[in-house]
Amino acid sequence: MSNPWTKKNPLLSMWLSGANAIAGAARGHVTAEARRQSASMMNQGMKQIIDFWSAPLMTRQPRKKRR
């Protein structure tokens, strides 16, 4: 006699498949947003670094006044 607890349950199988599909889609959306935010933060950081180090090079020295 087979054990009824080890039989496959098609309803549970369908439910788990659907839950797995939804979890996979949500994980994809979260990963994509994290990558977008990471790239944005890196771009802002690089811009701040470039602005900080290039600002002294771009400013002109005041000319000395003639007497």
C-alpha atoms as a PDB file:
ATOM      1  CA  MET A   1       0.000   0.000   0.000  1.00  0.00           C
ATOM      2  CA  SER A   2       1.370   3.397  -0.994  1.00  0.00           C
ATOM      3  CA  ASN A   3       1.679   6.219   1.481  1.00  0.00           C
ATOM      4  CA  PRO A   4      -0.883   8.978   0.713  1.00  0.00           C
ATOM      5  CA  TRP A   5       1.400  11.644   2.230  1.00  0.00           C
ATOM      6  CA  THR A   6       4.057  11.099  -0.426  1.00  0.00           C
ATOM      7  CA  LYS A   7       1.715  11.443  -3.399  1.00  0.00           C
ATOM      8  CA  LYS A   8       2.049  14.508  -5.618  1.00  0.00           C
ATOM      9  CA  ASN A   9      -0.501  17.223  -5.046  1.00  0.00           C
ATOM     10  CA  PRO A  10      -1.285  19.011  -8.337  1.00  0.00           C
ATOM     11  CA  LEU A  11      -2.957  21.974  -6.622  1.00  0.00           C
ATOM     12  CA  LEU A  12       0.042  22.576  -4.366  1.00  0.00           C
ATOM     13  CA  SER A  13       2.397  22.113  -7.303  1.00  0.00           C
ATOM     14  CA  MET A  14       0.564  24.749  -9.371  1.00  0.00           C
ATOM     15  CA  TRP A  15       0.444  27.121  -6.411  1.00  0.00           C
ATOM     16  CA  LEU A  16       4.183  26.792  -5.773  1.00  0.00           C
ATOM     17  CA  SER A  17       4.970  27.259  -9.461  1.00  0.00           C
ATOM     18  CA  GLY A  18       2.966  30.477  -9.526  1.00  0.00           C
ATOM     19  CA  ALA A  19       4.582  31.719  -6.321  1.00  0.00           C
ATOM     20  CA  ASN A  20       8.020  30.951  -7.733  1.00  0.00           C
ATOM     21  CA  ALA A  21       7.230  32.841 -10.946  1.00  0.00           C
ATOM     22  CA  ILE A  22       6.062  35.909  -9.007  1.00  0.00           C
ATOM     23  CA  ALA A  23       9.119  35.779  -6.735  1.00  0.00           C
ATOM     24  CA  GLY A  24      11.410  35.547  -9.762  1.00  0.00           C
ATOM     25  CA  ALA A  25       9.805  38.550 -11.419  1.00  0.00           C
ATOM     26  CA  ALA A  26      10.003  40.581  -8.204  1.00  0.00           C
ATOM     27  CA  ARG A  27      13.645  39.616  -7.757  1.00  0.00           C
ATOM     28  CA  GLY A  28      14.360  40.775 -11.318  1.00  0.00           C
ATOM     29  CA  HIS A  29      12.712  44.160 -10.717  1.00  0.00           C
ATOM     30  CA  VAL A  30      14.594  44.681  -7.449  1.00  0.00           C
ATOM     31  CA  THR A  31      17.921  43.728  -9.040  1.00  0.00           C
ATOM     32  CA  ALA A  32      17.373  46.075 -11.989  1.00  0.00           C
ATOM     33  CA  GLU A  33      16.489  48.988  -9.694  1.00  0.00           C
ATOM     34  CA  ALA A  34      19.529  48.311  -7.502  1.00  0.00           C
ATOM     35  CA  ARG A  35      21.785  48.374 -10.574  1.00  0.00           C
ATOM     36  CA  ARG A  36      20.229  51.641 -11.777  1.00  0.00           C
ATOM     37  CA  GLN A  37      20.715  53.280  -8.388  1.00  0.00           C
ATOM     38  CA  SER A  38      24.270  51.972  -8.122  1.00  0.00           C
ATOM     39  CA  ALA A  39      25.171  53.347 -11.556  1.00  0.00           C
ATOM     40  CA  SER A  40      23.571  56.693 -10.712  1.00  0.00           C
ATOM     41  CA  MET A  41      25.503  56.952  -7.435  1.00  0.00           C
ATOM     42  CA  MET A  42      28.780  56.078  -9.167  1.00  0.00           C
ATOM     43  CA  ASN A  43      28.171  58.744 -11.822  1.00  0.00           C
ATOM     44  CA  GLN A  44      27.391  61.377  -9.201  1.00  0.00           C
ATOM     45  CA  GLY A  45      30.457  60.423  -7.185  1.00  0.00           C
ATOM     46  CA  MET A  46      32.737  60.625 -10.213  1.00  0.00           C
ATOM     47  CA  LYS A  47      31.274  64.020 -11.142  1.00  0.00           C
ATOM     48  CA  GLN A  48      31.929  65.321  -7.626  1.00  0.00           C
ATOM     49  CA  ILE A  49      35.508  64.036  -7.698  1.00  0.00           C
ATOM     50  CA  ILE A  50      36.188  65.565 -11.097  1.00  0.00           C
ATOM     51  CA  ASP A  51      34.626  68.877 -10.053  1.00  0.00           C
ATOM     52  CA  PHE A  52      36.652  68.921  -6.821  1.00  0.00           C
ATOM     53  CA  TRP A  53      40.006  68.253  -8.472  1.00  0.00           C
ATOM     54  CA  SER A  54      39.490  70.290 -11.631  1.00  0.00           C
ATOM     55  CA  ALA A  55      38.032  73.416  -9.997  1.00  0.00           C
ATOM     56  CA  PRO A  56      41.444  74.869  -8.989  1.00  0.00           C
ATOM     57  CA  LEU A  57      42.715  74.301 -12.516  1.00  0.00           C
ATOM     58  CA  MET A  58      39.785  76.114 -14.080  1.00  0.00           C
ATOM     59  CA  THR A  59      39.814  79.240 -11.894  1.00  0.00           C
ATOM     60  CA  ARG A  60      41.902  82.127 -13.155  1.00  0.00           C
ATOM     61  CA  GLN A  61      44.336  83.958 -10.971  1.00  0.00           C
ATOM     62  CA  PRO A  62      43.423  87.635 -10.474  1.00  0.00           C
ATOM     63  CA  ARG A  63      45.679  89.946 -12.465  1.00  0.00           C
ATOM     64  CA  LYS A  64      47.965  92.224 -10.593  1.00  0.00           C
ATOM     65  CA  LYS A  65      47.010  95.903 -10.810  1.00  0.00           C
ATOM     66  CA  ARG A  66      49.447  98.233 -12.511  1.00  0.00           C
ATOM     67  CA  ARG A  67      50.621 101.266 -10.652  1.00  0.00           C
END
